[in-house]
Protein backbone atom coordinates (compact mmCIF):
# COMPACT_ATOMS: atom_id res chain seq x y z
CA UNK A 1 22.31 45.35 -28.54
CA UNK A 2 20.15 41.56 -28.79
CA UNK A 3 20.73 39.38 -30.78
CA UNK A 4 17.36 38.06 -33.63
CA UNK A 5 17.17 35.28 -31.74
CA UNK A 6 17.13 36.87 -28.01
CA UNK A 7 14.64 39.12 -28.71
CA UNK A 8 12.00 37.29 -26.23
CA UNK A 9 13.98 39.61 -23.24
CA UNK A 10 12.45 42.94 -24.78
CA UNK A 11 9.06 41.45 -24.77
CA UNK A 12 7.42 42.72 -21.53
CA UNK A 13 5.98 39.54 -20.64
CA UNK A 14 9.05 38.41 -20.76
CA UNK A 15 10.63 41.02 -18.67
CA UNK A 16 7.54 40.81 -15.94
CA UNK A 17 8.34 36.85 -15.49
CA UNK A 18 11.84 37.39 -15.03
CA UNK A 19 11.52 39.94 -12.79
CA UNK A 20 8.83 38.82 -10.88
CA UNK A 21 10.79 35.04 -10.16
CA UNK A 22 13.82 36.40 -9.43
CA UNK A 23 13.35 39.98 -7.63
CA UNK A 24 9.71 39.08 -5.94
CA UNK A 25 10.75 39.99 -2.75
CA UNK A 26 14.20 41.99 -2.82
CA UNK A 27 13.96 44.48 -0.23
CA UNK A 28 14.35 47.61 -2.04
CA UNK A 29 11.50 48.43 -4.89
CA UNK A 30 11.85 47.54 -8.00
CA UNK A 31 9.72 49.29 -10.57
CA UNK A 32 9.08 48.24 -14.14
CA UNK A 33 7.24 50.68 -16.19
CA UNK A 34 4.30 52.50 -14.82
CA UNK A 35 1.02 50.91 -13.23
CA UNK A 36 -1.83 50.86 -15.74
CA UNK A 37 -5.77 51.32 -15.37
CA UNK A 38 -8.62 50.50 -18.21
CA UNK A 39 -9.91 53.90 -19.10
CA UNK A 40 -12.91 53.84 -22.19
CA UNK A 41 -12.49 50.57 -22.83
CA UNK A 42 -8.77 50.28 -22.88
CA UNK A 43 -5.40 50.16 -20.61
CA UNK A 44 -3.76 53.41 -20.14
CA UNK A 45 -0.31 53.64 -18.39
CA UNK A 46 -0.64 56.41 -15.29
CA UNK A 47 2.56 58.52 -13.30
CA UNK A 48 2.60 55.88 -10.88
CA UNK A 49 5.44 53.66 -10.39
CA UNK A 50 4.49 50.04 -11.66
CA UNK A 51 6.41 48.29 -8.71
CA UNK A 52 6.29 44.25 -8.77
CA UNK A 53 8.37 43.00 -5.75
CA UNK A 54 7.19 42.91 -1.68
CA UNK A 55 10.14 44.48 0.24
CA UNK A 56 9.01 43.17 3.76
CA UNK A 57 7.53 39.92 2.78
CA UNK A 58 5.83 37.71 5.40
CA UNK A 59 8.81 35.23 6.85
CA UNK A 60 10.96 38.42 7.49
CA UNK A 61 7.66 39.82 10.09
CA UNK A 62 7.33 37.95 13.76
CA UNK A 63 4.96 35.72 13.69
CA UNK A 64 3.36 37.46 16.94
CA UNK A 65 2.52 40.04 14.26
CA UNK A 66 0.47 37.62 11.62
CA UNK A 67 -2.87 36.40 11.50
CA UNK A 68 -3.61 32.63 9.86
CA UNK A 69 -5.03 34.70 7.06
CA UNK A 70 -1.94 36.19 6.64
CA UNK A 71 -0.16 32.80 6.18
CA UNK A 72 -2.72 31.76 4.04
CA UNK A 73 -3.27 34.86 2.06
CA UNK A 74 0.38 34.63 1.97
CA UNK A 75 0.23 31.37 0.53
CA UNK A 76 -2.51 31.66 -2.18
CA UNK A 77 0.37 34.52 -4.03
CA UNK A 78 2.61 31.40 -3.96
CA UNK A 79 0.94 28.99 -5.07
CA UNK A 80 -2.36 30.52 -6.64
CA UNK A 81 -4.18 27.24 -7.89
CA UNK A 82 -3.53 25.32 -4.11
CA UNK A 83 -5.82 23.94 -2.10
CA UNK A 84 -5.57 25.72 1.28
CA UNK A 85 -3.13 24.56 3.37
CA UNK A 86 -2.91 21.99 6.42
CA UNK A 87 -0.15 23.54 8.74
CA UNK A 88 2.55 26.03 8.85
CA UNK A 89 6.10 26.38 10.50
CA UNK A 90 7.07 29.92 10.61
CA UNK A 91 11.33 29.60 10.67
CA UNK A 92 13.44 32.05 12.85
CA UNK A 93 16.65 31.29 14.04
CA UNK A 94 19.95 33.30 14.64
CA UNK A 95 22.12 31.60 16.24
CA UNK A 96 24.21 28.98 15.13
CA UNK A 97 23.29 30.17 12.08
CA UNK A 98 20.75 32.56 10.42
CA UNK A 99 17.49 30.85 9.01
CA UNK A 100 13.91 32.88 8.60
CA UNK A 101 11.15 30.95 6.50
CA UNK A 102 7.80 29.69 6.47
CA UNK A 103 6.77 25.80 5.39
CA UNK A 104 3.53 24.80 4.53
CA UNK A 105 2.04 21.40 4.51
CA UNK A 106 -0.12 21.13 1.17
CA UNK A 107 -2.68 18.74 0.39
CA UNK A 108 -1.73 15.95 -1.87
CA UNK A 109 -3.47 14.24 -4.12
CA UNK A 110 -1.50 11.01 -5.22
CA UNK A 111 1.82 11.67 -6.79
CA UNK A 112 4.51 12.54 -4.53
CA UNK A 113 7.30 13.55 -7.51
CA UNK A 114 4.24 15.66 -9.24
CA UNK A 115 4.94 18.33 -5.71
CA UNK A 116 8.75 18.47 -5.38
CA UNK A 117 9.96 21.62 -5.90
CA UNK A 118 7.89 23.68 -4.53
CA UNK A 119 10.41 25.25 -1.91
CA UNK A 120 11.77 28.49 -2.75
CA UNK A 121 15.57 29.30 -1.48
CA UNK A 122 16.44 32.85 -0.94
CA UNK A 123 19.57 34.28 0.29
CA UNK A 124 18.80 37.77 1.80
CA UNK A 125 15.37 38.02 0.10
CA UNK A 126 17.31 36.60 -3.69
CA UNK A 127 15.70 33.99 -4.85
CA UNK A 128 18.20 30.90 -5.46
CA UNK A 129 16.80 27.86 -6.29
CA UNK A 130 13.40 25.51 -6.23
CA UNK A 131 15.35 22.40 -5.68
CA UNK A 132 16.24 22.45 -2.25
CA UNK A 133 17.69 18.41 -1.96
CA UNK A 134 20.52 19.15 1.26
CA UNK A 135 19.07 21.60 2.39
CA UNK A 136 15.89 20.28 3.38
CA UNK A 137 15.39 16.81 5.07
CA UNK A 138 14.48 14.61 1.88
CA UNK A 139 10.87 13.80 3.24
CA UNK A 140 10.05 17.47 3.82
CA UNK A 141 10.88 18.18 0.13
CA UNK A 142 7.43 17.66 -0.24
CA UNK A 143 6.91 20.50 1.73
CA UNK A 144 5.74 24.32 -0.16
CA UNK A 145 6.94 28.08 1.21
CA UNK A 146 10.18 29.59 1.52
CA UNK A 147 13.60 29.44 3.04
CA UNK A 148 16.04 32.16 3.56
CA UNK A 149 18.95 31.94 4.72
CA UNK A 150 22.34 34.51 4.49
CA UNK A 151 24.42 31.59 5.39
CA UNK A 152 23.90 29.71 1.83
CA UNK A 153 25.46 31.22 -1.24
CA UNK A 154 24.13 32.58 -4.13
CA UNK A 155 26.46 30.16 -6.37
CA UNK A 156 24.91 27.03 -4.57
CA UNK A 157 25.75 23.69 -5.73
CA UNK A 158 24.90 19.93 -5.03
CA UNK A 159 28.82 19.20 -3.83
CA UNK A 160 29.13 22.28 -1.84
CA UNK A 161 25.65 21.46 0.26
CA UNK A 162 26.82 17.66 1.05
CA UNK A 163 29.79 18.99 2.54
CA UNK A 164 29.11 22.15 3.88
CA UNK A 165 28.26 22.15 7.49
CA UNK A 166 25.70 24.74 8.28
CA UNK A 167 23.78 23.10 5.54
CA UNK A 168 23.51 19.75 7.32
CA UNK A 169 22.77 21.91 10.74
CA UNK A 170 20.31 23.90 9.15
CA UNK A 171 18.56 20.44 7.61
CA UNK A 172 18.71 18.98 11.35
CA UNK A 173 16.81 22.14 12.79
CA UNK A 174 14.19 21.77 10.13
CA UNK A 175 13.50 18.11 11.08
CA UNK A 176 13.19 19.21 14.56
CA UNK A 177 11.09 22.35 14.18
CA UNK A 178 8.48 20.19 11.84
CA UNK A 179 8.73 17.46 14.20
CA UNK A 180 8.19 19.84 17.33
CA UNK A 181 4.84 21.61 15.88
CA UNK A 182 3.27 18.25 14.87
CA UNK A 183 4.14 17.52 18.57
CA UNK A 184 2.52 20.56 19.97
CA UNK A 185 -1.08 20.37 17.57
CA UNK A 186 -1.26 16.89 18.45
CA UNK A 187 -1.11 17.96 22.23
CA UNK A 188 -3.14 20.94 22.27
CA UNK A 189 -5.69 19.59 19.84
CA UNK A 190 -5.97 16.59 19.00
CA UNK A 191 -9.50 16.56 17.02
CA UNK A 192 -7.68 18.95 14.71
CA UNK A 193 -5.03 16.99 14.10
CA UNK A 194 -6.98 13.68 13.56
CA UNK A 195 -9.77 15.62 11.50
CA UNK A 196 -6.08 16.66 9.29
CA UNK A 197 -4.31 13.19 9.75
CA UNK A 198 -5.38 11.79 6.43
CA UNK A 199 -3.80 14.33 4.72
CA UNK A 200 -0.79 14.77 7.00
CA UNK A 201 0.48 10.95 7.40
CA UNK A 202 2.21 10.92 3.61
CA UNK A 203 4.87 13.35 5.10
CA UNK A 204 4.99 11.88 8.67
CA UNK A 205 4.88 8.45 7.18
CA UNK A 206 7.73 8.98 4.53
CA UNK A 207 9.96 10.56 7.36
CA UNK A 208 9.40 7.58 9.79
CA UNK A 209 10.60 5.75 6.41
CA UNK A 210 13.33 7.60 5.75
CA UNK A 211 14.83 9.27 8.74
CA UNK A 212 15.44 7.20 11.74
CA UNK A 213 15.78 10.19 14.33
CA UNK A 214 12.63 11.35 12.60
CA UNK A 215 10.67 8.04 13.92
CA UNK A 216 12.21 8.41 17.00
CA UNK A 217 9.89 11.80 17.82
CA UNK A 218 6.80 11.12 15.64
CA UNK A 219 5.81 7.54 16.64
CA UNK A 220 4.41 9.78 19.82
CA UNK A 221 1.57 11.34 17.65
CA UNK A 222 2.04 9.30 14.87
CA UNK A 223 -1.75 7.63 13.98
CA UNK A 224 -3.44 4.50 13.21
CA UNK A 225 -7.16 4.66 11.51
CA UNK A 226 -9.27 1.66 11.86
CA UNK A 227 -12.38 1.27 9.73
CA UNK A 228 -14.31 2.76 11.96
CA UNK A 229 -12.80 5.89 11.17
CA UNK A 230 -11.18 6.35 14.93
CA UNK A 231 -7.70 7.20 15.69
CA UNK A 232 -5.30 5.55 17.83
CA UNK A 233 -1.48 6.58 18.58
CA UNK A 234 0.93 3.32 18.33
CA UNK A 235 0.65 3.12 22.67
CA UNK A 236 -3.13 3.20 22.49
CA UNK A 237 -4.04 0.70 19.29
CA UNK A 238 -1.78 -2.09 21.23
CA UNK A 239 -3.40 -1.49 24.03
CA UNK A 240 -6.49 -1.57 22.34
CA UNK A 241 -6.00 -4.35 20.42
CA UNK A 242 -3.73 -6.98 23.29
CA UNK A 243 -6.26 -9.07 25.12
CA UNK A 244 -8.10 -10.15 21.47
CA UNK A 245 -5.71 -10.22 18.99
CA UNK A 246 -2.52 -12.14 20.69
CA UNK A 247 -2.03 -15.91 18.83
CA UNK A 248 -0.96 -18.77 20.20
CA UNK A 249 2.55 -17.73 20.31
CA UNK A 250 2.20 -14.54 21.99
CA UNK A 251 2.22 -12.54 18.60
CA UNK A 252 0.16 -9.56 18.70
CA UNK A 253 -1.44 -9.36 15.17
CA UNK A 254 -2.54 -6.35 13.49
CA UNK A 255 -5.57 -6.74 11.01
CA UNK A 256 -5.75 -4.37 8.33
CA UNK A 257 -7.33 -3.69 5.30
CA UNK A 258 -6.24 -1.43 1.86
CA UNK A 259 -10.00 -1.57 0.48
CA UNK A 260 -13.00 -1.55 2.92
CA UNK A 261 -15.45 -2.29 -0.12
CA UNK A 262 -13.80 -5.19 -1.95
CA UNK A 263 -12.86 -6.93 1.65
CA UNK A 264 -16.37 -5.86 2.97
CA UNK A 265 -17.38 -9.82 3.93
CA UNK A 266 -13.83 -10.52 5.73
CA UNK A 267 -13.92 -7.33 7.51
CA UNK A 268 -17.18 -8.29 8.64
CA UNK A 269 -16.16 -11.83 9.96
CA UNK A 270 -13.27 -10.16 11.93
CA UNK A 271 -15.65 -7.64 13.64
CA UNK A 272 -18.57 -10.30 14.71
CA UNK A 273 -14.92 -12.30 16.18
CA UNK A 274 -14.54 -8.61 18.10
CA UNK A 275 -11.66 -7.89 16.12
CA UNK A 276 -10.47 -4.66 15.08
CA UNK A 277 -9.33 -3.52 11.80
CA UNK A 278 -6.87 -1.32 10.58
CA UNK A 279 -7.73 1.12 7.33
CA UNK A 280 -3.89 1.04 5.48
CA UNK A 281 -4.79 2.32 1.79
CA UNK A 282 -2.35 4.92 1.77
CA UNK A 283 0.18 5.19 -1.00
CA UNK A 284 3.56 4.11 1.72
CA UNK A 285 1.43 2.12 3.73
CA UNK A 286 2.74 -1.11 2.30
CA UNK A 287 6.38 -0.01 3.42
CA UNK A 288 5.05 1.45 6.83
CA UNK A 289 3.81 -2.08 7.85
CA UNK A 290 6.96 -3.78 7.09
CA UNK A 291 8.95 -1.18 9.18
CA UNK A 292 6.73 -1.22 12.25
CA UNK A 293 7.25 -5.04 12.08
CA UNK A 294 10.53 -4.79 12.60
CA UNK A 295 9.80 -1.69 15.78
CA UNK A 296 7.13 -3.66 17.43
CA UNK A 297 8.17 -6.56 19.36
CA UNK A 298 6.19 -9.78 18.92
CA UNK A 299 3.89 -8.10 16.58
CA UNK A 300 2.71 -9.15 12.76
CA UNK A 301 0.52 -7.21 10.52
CA UNK A 302 -1.79 -9.72 8.23
CA UNK A 303 -4.23 -8.26 5.81
CA UNK A 304 -7.64 -9.47 7.05
CA UNK A 305 -8.30 -11.24 3.36
CA UNK A 306 -5.12 -13.63 4.14
CA UNK A 307 -6.48 -16.43 5.88
CA UNK A 308 -10.25 -17.89 6.78
CA UNK A 309 -11.01 -16.43 10.02
CA UNK A 310 -10.10 -19.07 12.64
CA UNK A 311 -6.53 -18.80 11.06
CA UNK A 312 -6.05 -14.76 10.95
CA UNK A 313 -5.13 -15.55 14.91
CA UNK A 314 -4.36 -18.75 15.95
CA UNK A 315 -5.35 -19.74 19.44
CA UNK A 316 -4.87 -22.98 19.08
CA UNK A 317 -3.97 -25.87 17.28
CA UNK A 318 -6.04 -26.08 13.86
CA UNK A 319 -8.68 -28.53 13.44
CA UNK A 320 -7.91 -30.37 10.00
CA UNK A 321 -11.71 -31.60 8.48
CA UNK A 322 -12.73 -34.59 9.00
CA UNK A 323 -12.02 -36.21 5.83
CA UNK A 324 -10.40 -39.47 4.32
CA UNK A 325 -7.70 -39.19 1.66
CA UNK A 326 -10.32 -40.02 -1.07
CA UNK A 327 -13.34 -37.59 0.02
CA UNK A 328 -10.28 -34.68 0.52
CA UNK A 329 -9.19 -35.68 -3.53
CA UNK A 330 -12.49 -36.08 -4.76
CA UNK A 331 -13.35 -32.46 -3.48
CA UNK A 332 -10.35 -31.14 -4.54
CA UNK A 333 -10.32 -32.55 -8.04
CA UNK A 334 -13.98 -31.60 -9.02
CA UNK A 335 -13.32 -27.89 -7.65
CA UNK A 336 -10.02 -27.48 -9.33
CA UNK A 337 -11.09 -28.82 -12.34
CA UNK A 338 -13.53 -25.85 -12.69
CA UNK A 339 -11.44 -22.86 -11.47
CA UNK A 340 -10.72 -20.41 -14.66
CA UNK A 341 -7.43 -20.24 -16.13
CA UNK A 342 -6.89 -16.55 -15.68
CA UNK A 343 -3.76 -15.40 -16.78
CA UNK A 344 -0.61 -14.77 -13.81
CA UNK A 345 -2.97 -16.23 -11.19
CA UNK A 346 -2.67 -19.74 -9.55
CA UNK A 347 -5.03 -21.55 -7.23
CA UNK A 348 -4.61 -24.19 -4.71
CA UNK A 349 -7.75 -26.13 -3.66
CA UNK A 350 -7.84 -26.58 0.32
CA UNK A 351 -10.21 -28.33 2.32
CA UNK A 352 -10.97 -27.16 6.08
CA UNK A 353 -13.26 -27.65 9.27
CA UNK A 354 -14.87 -23.74 9.52
CA UNK A 355 -18.37 -24.62 11.26
CA UNK A 356 -21.66 -25.42 9.67
CA UNK A 357 -22.26 -21.13 9.88
CA UNK A 358 -19.25 -20.24 8.02
CA UNK A 359 -19.17 -19.72 3.87
CA UNK A 360 -18.90 -22.68 1.90
CA UNK A 361 -16.33 -21.84 0.08
CA UNK A 362 -13.82 -18.49 0.19
CA UNK A 363 -10.01 -17.29 -1.69
CA UNK A 364 -7.23 -16.49 0.53
CA UNK A 365 -3.93 -14.96 -0.50
CA UNK A 366 -0.78 -15.49 1.52
CA UNK A 367 0.56 -12.59 3.55
CA UNK A 368 3.71 -12.86 2.77
CA UNK A 369 3.55 -13.49 -0.99
CA UNK A 370 1.42 -10.72 -1.98
CA UNK A 371 3.21 -8.34 0.19
CA UNK A 372 6.48 -8.80 -1.51
CA UNK A 373 4.79 -8.15 -4.84
CA UNK A 374 3.41 -4.92 -3.64
CA UNK A 375 6.33 -4.10 -2.42
CA UNK A 376 7.82 -4.90 -6.00
CA UNK A 377 5.85 -1.70 -7.18
CA UNK A 378 7.62 0.55 -5.06
CA UNK A 379 11.22 -1.01 -4.15
CA UNK A 380 13.86 -1.65 -7.19
CA UNK A 381 15.48 -4.55 -6.87
CA UNK A 382 12.65 -6.57 -6.14
CA UNK A 383 11.19 -7.06 -9.65
CA UNK A 384 11.64 -10.97 -9.39
CA UNK A 385 8.15 -11.03 -6.92
CA UNK A 386 6.54 -8.31 -9.21
CA UNK A 387 6.96 -11.10 -12.33
CA UNK A 388 5.63 -14.23 -10.02
CA UNK A 389 1.88 -15.06 -10.95
CA UNK A 390 -0.34 -14.38 -7.87
CA UNK A 391 -1.06 -17.23 -6.07
CA UNK A 392 -4.81 -17.78 -3.95
CA UNK A 393 -5.79 -20.54 -1.92
CA UNK A 394 -9.29 -21.83 -2.33
CA UNK A 395 -10.46 -22.98 1.16
CA UNK A 396 -13.56 -25.42 0.97
CA UNK A 397 -15.71 -25.65 4.71
CA UNK A 398 -15.83 -29.58 4.41
CA UNK A 399 -18.64 -28.09 7.32
CA UNK A 400 -21.15 -26.63 5.53
CA UNK A 401 -23.82 -28.51 4.10
CA UNK A 402 -23.74 -27.28 0.66
CA UNK A 403 -20.24 -28.27 0.03
CA UNK A 404 -21.10 -31.68 1.97
CA UNK A 405 -24.05 -32.27 -0.65
CA UNK A 406 -21.68 -32.01 -3.57
CA UNK A 407 -18.90 -34.61 -1.81
CA UNK A 408 -22.27 -36.78 -1.45
CA UNK A 409 -23.12 -36.01 -5.13
CA UNK A 410 -20.20 -36.60 -6.85
CA UNK A 411 -18.94 -39.99 -4.69
CA UNK A 412 -22.80 -41.23 -6.08
CA UNK A 413 -22.74 -40.55 -9.83
CA UNK A 414 -18.88 -41.16 -10.16
CA UNK A 415 -18.46 -44.54 -8.20
CA UNK A 416 -19.68 -47.33 -10.82
CA UNK A 417 -17.19 -45.00 -13.38
CA UNK A 418 -14.33 -44.44 -10.54
CA UNK A 419 -14.25 -47.75 -8.86
CA UNK A 420 -12.46 -49.99 -11.62
CA UNK A 421 -9.99 -46.71 -11.57
CA UNK A 422 -9.26 -47.00 -7.92
CA UNK A 423 -9.18 -51.16 -7.94
CA UNK A 424 -6.65 -50.87 -10.80
CA UNK A 425 -4.48 -47.65 -8.51
CA UNK A 426 -4.79 -49.68 -5.34
CA UNK A 427 -3.06 -52.81 -7.18
CA UNK A 428 -0.49 -50.71 -8.79
CA UNK A 429 0.12 -49.16 -5.35
CA UNK A 430 0.89 -52.27 -3.61
CA UNK A 431 3.08 -53.45 -6.35
CA UNK A 432 5.37 -50.35 -6.19
CA UNK A 433 5.29 -50.68 -2.13
CA UNK A 434 6.94 -54.01 -2.92
CA UNK A 435 9.74 -52.91 -5.13
CA UNK A 436 10.31 -50.08 -3.27
CA UNK A 437 10.50 -51.93 -0.12
CA UNK A 438 12.82 -55.24 -1.67
CA UNK A 439 14.77 -52.31 -3.23
CA UNK A 440 15.30 -50.50 0.22
CA UNK A 441 19.34 -50.06 1.22
CA UNK A 442 20.35 -51.26 -2.40
CA UNK A 443 22.77 -49.06 -3.96
CA UNK A 444 21.69 -48.13 -7.62
CA UNK A 445 23.60 -50.38 -9.70
CA UNK A 446 22.91 -53.38 -7.61
CA UNK A 447 19.17 -52.85 -8.55
CA UNK A 448 18.29 -55.47 -11.62
CA UNK A 449 17.35 -53.62 -14.56
CA UNK A 450 13.67 -55.27 -14.58
CA UNK A 451 12.87 -54.19 -11.22
CA UNK A 452 13.30 -50.43 -12.68
CA UNK A 453 11.48 -50.46 -15.39
CA UNK A 454 8.40 -52.09 -13.60
CA UNK A 455 9.08 -49.49 -11.28
CA UNK A 456 9.19 -46.37 -13.85
CA UNK A 457 6.18 -48.22 -15.49
CA UNK A 458 4.39 -47.97 -12.40
CA UNK A 459 4.81 -44.92 -12.42
CA UNK A 460 3.45 -44.04 -15.71
CA UNK A 461 0.31 -46.44 -14.99
CA UNK A 462 -0.28 -44.38 -11.81
CA UNK A 463 -0.22 -41.13 -13.65
CA UNK A 464 -2.32 -42.39 -16.38
CA UNK A 465 -5.16 -43.69 -13.98
CA UNK A 466 -4.94 -40.37 -11.98
CA UNK A 467 -5.65 -38.23 -15.43
CA UNK A 468 -8.42 -40.96 -15.98
CA UNK A 469 -10.14 -40.26 -12.79
CA UNK A 470 -9.63 -36.30 -12.80
CA UNK A 471 -11.13 -36.57 -16.25
CA UNK A 472 -14.46 -38.16 -14.81
CA UNK A 473 -14.46 -36.12 -11.88
CA UNK A 474 -14.18 -33.41 -14.02
CA UNK A 475 -16.98 -34.39 -16.61
CA UNK A 476 -18.87 -34.44 -13.51
CA UNK A 477 -18.27 -31.17 -12.04
CA UNK A 478 -18.63 -29.70 -15.60
CA UNK A 479 -22.59 -30.30 -15.57
CA UNK A 480 -22.65 -29.41 -11.53
CA UNK A 481 -23.79 -25.73 -11.49
CA UNK A 482 -23.60 -25.67 -7.38
CA UNK A 483 -19.91 -26.16 -7.96
CA UNK A 484 -20.12 -23.09 -10.71
CA UNK A 485 -22.00 -21.33 -8.58
CA UNK A 486 -19.81 -21.62 -5.86
CA UNK A 487 -16.90 -20.72 -7.41
CA UNK A 488 -17.80 -17.87 -8.89
CA UNK A 489 -19.75 -16.44 -5.38
CA UNK A 490 -15.45 -17.07 -3.84
CA UNK A 491 -14.18 -14.92 -7.25
CA UNK A 492 -17.13 -11.99 -7.18
CA UNK A 493 -16.21 -11.68 -3.69
CA UNK A 494 -12.51 -10.94 -4.77
CA UNK A 495 -13.58 -8.63 -7.76
CA UNK A 496 -12.55 -11.68 -10.16
CA UNK A 497 -15.36 -12.24 -12.01
CA UNK A 498 -15.73 -10.54 -15.02
CA UNK A 499 -16.90 -10.55 -18.70
CA UNK A 500 -18.35 -13.64 -20.06
CA UNK A 501 -17.90 -15.34 -16.62
CA UNK A 502 -19.89 -12.93 -14.71
CA UNK A 503 -22.46 -12.62 -17.30
CA UNK A 504 -22.93 -16.60 -16.95
CA UNK A 505 -23.06 -16.42 -13.16
CA UNK A 506 -25.97 -13.70 -13.58
CA UNK A 507 -28.38 -16.36 -15.94
CA UNK A 508 -27.38 -19.16 -13.79
CA UNK A 509 -28.28 -17.44 -10.19
CA UNK A 510 -31.58 -16.99 -12.07
CA UNK A 511 -31.87 -20.43 -13.18
CA UNK A 512 -31.14 -21.06 -9.48
CA UNK A 513 -33.80 -19.17 -7.57
């Protein structure tokens, strides 16, 4: 008898789906009705039983009996819509526990979570679950396939898995089997391994990040890929860059890019110095970089656009721009006054001597702050960094003729308006120094109130004069097309010039041409 609300279990499609899920690989034949065939445009039953299960599935057979085509066919039966797998591992052990199965490395598109719970667990060919956390190491829950073990009971529970010694042994064995298989592929056919590395690395990197013992095995075959598409083991890459990419303090600097198109000019500048640049654009590469900095001795990873080329790998003490403080202030003020107001973005303007042939202006972003913000996106407890504004450095090349031209023009154009302001500021600064010197060594309560009031008044007047000076320089800069063009070029290079600003840039470019 079946209640009305359970009548779906009398439907042929529902029964068929349940039998396929739970009895698909039972070791004895299961018949569900009779086979059907098409006759005169209609489906009619035959006298032959419709056997719904495979009694001798692939994992119960010996690997020597099977060909690559057999493994691929079985994978398509398990996952009809999936792409062809990268590799597979045939598990077959009878001591100290019984375990058989086939694990496949699938092609993962993007989201890790969407690919979980694809491994099917069986006990003597009876389906148990597709939630295998605890049996399979966490990083391998991304794999597909089947595991069959009579040592895991049918009434499997999470608390059982966490305490059972056999389950822990199985997890360790699977991890070792996977690392051994990957090592063998790398050793015997490195070319094939490199061809599949871009799809494989998410499994390997995830394993190294979450399991120390897997890292110890995998660091022998894990690869780094550079922007030219060449692959290196960790040891090979260290040998490649140690002569040219060691800084003055003996640190080995690993330069990397996470977007070759957006960071092309920075990559090009680094290559012209003879540097090699890694491509680190994977989902887990931010976390990998932080881990590898801890694993590698005296090593640091630096994104290729995090500083000007001369400071990416500091070989000697940095050369300061040969400018007077007033000239630095003029350059800084005229460019800062024309920077766009972008939500959650802050700019710091600085002047450096980068050579006549260097770029006139560049935008860089601190490696530390940018990486902390990236980690905040993937790691709980770091949301504080995610809320902070993006901090950029606008670096002016004081050696470039365009920057020199701006400085000379600003100095000449604003000289008359700035002279009385600077004269007043000089007088105020002199008086401030006199008062500060007179107050040296005195306790606050011993300083006459009149002197305190005068000093506060001077500070306010200096602030007012500074505002006036910046207003004069800002007004000049507002009408200077070269300043706007240089700023927009730097923004464009960093994919930060959009909308109306981009349209204005195009119009101005045509006018200047």
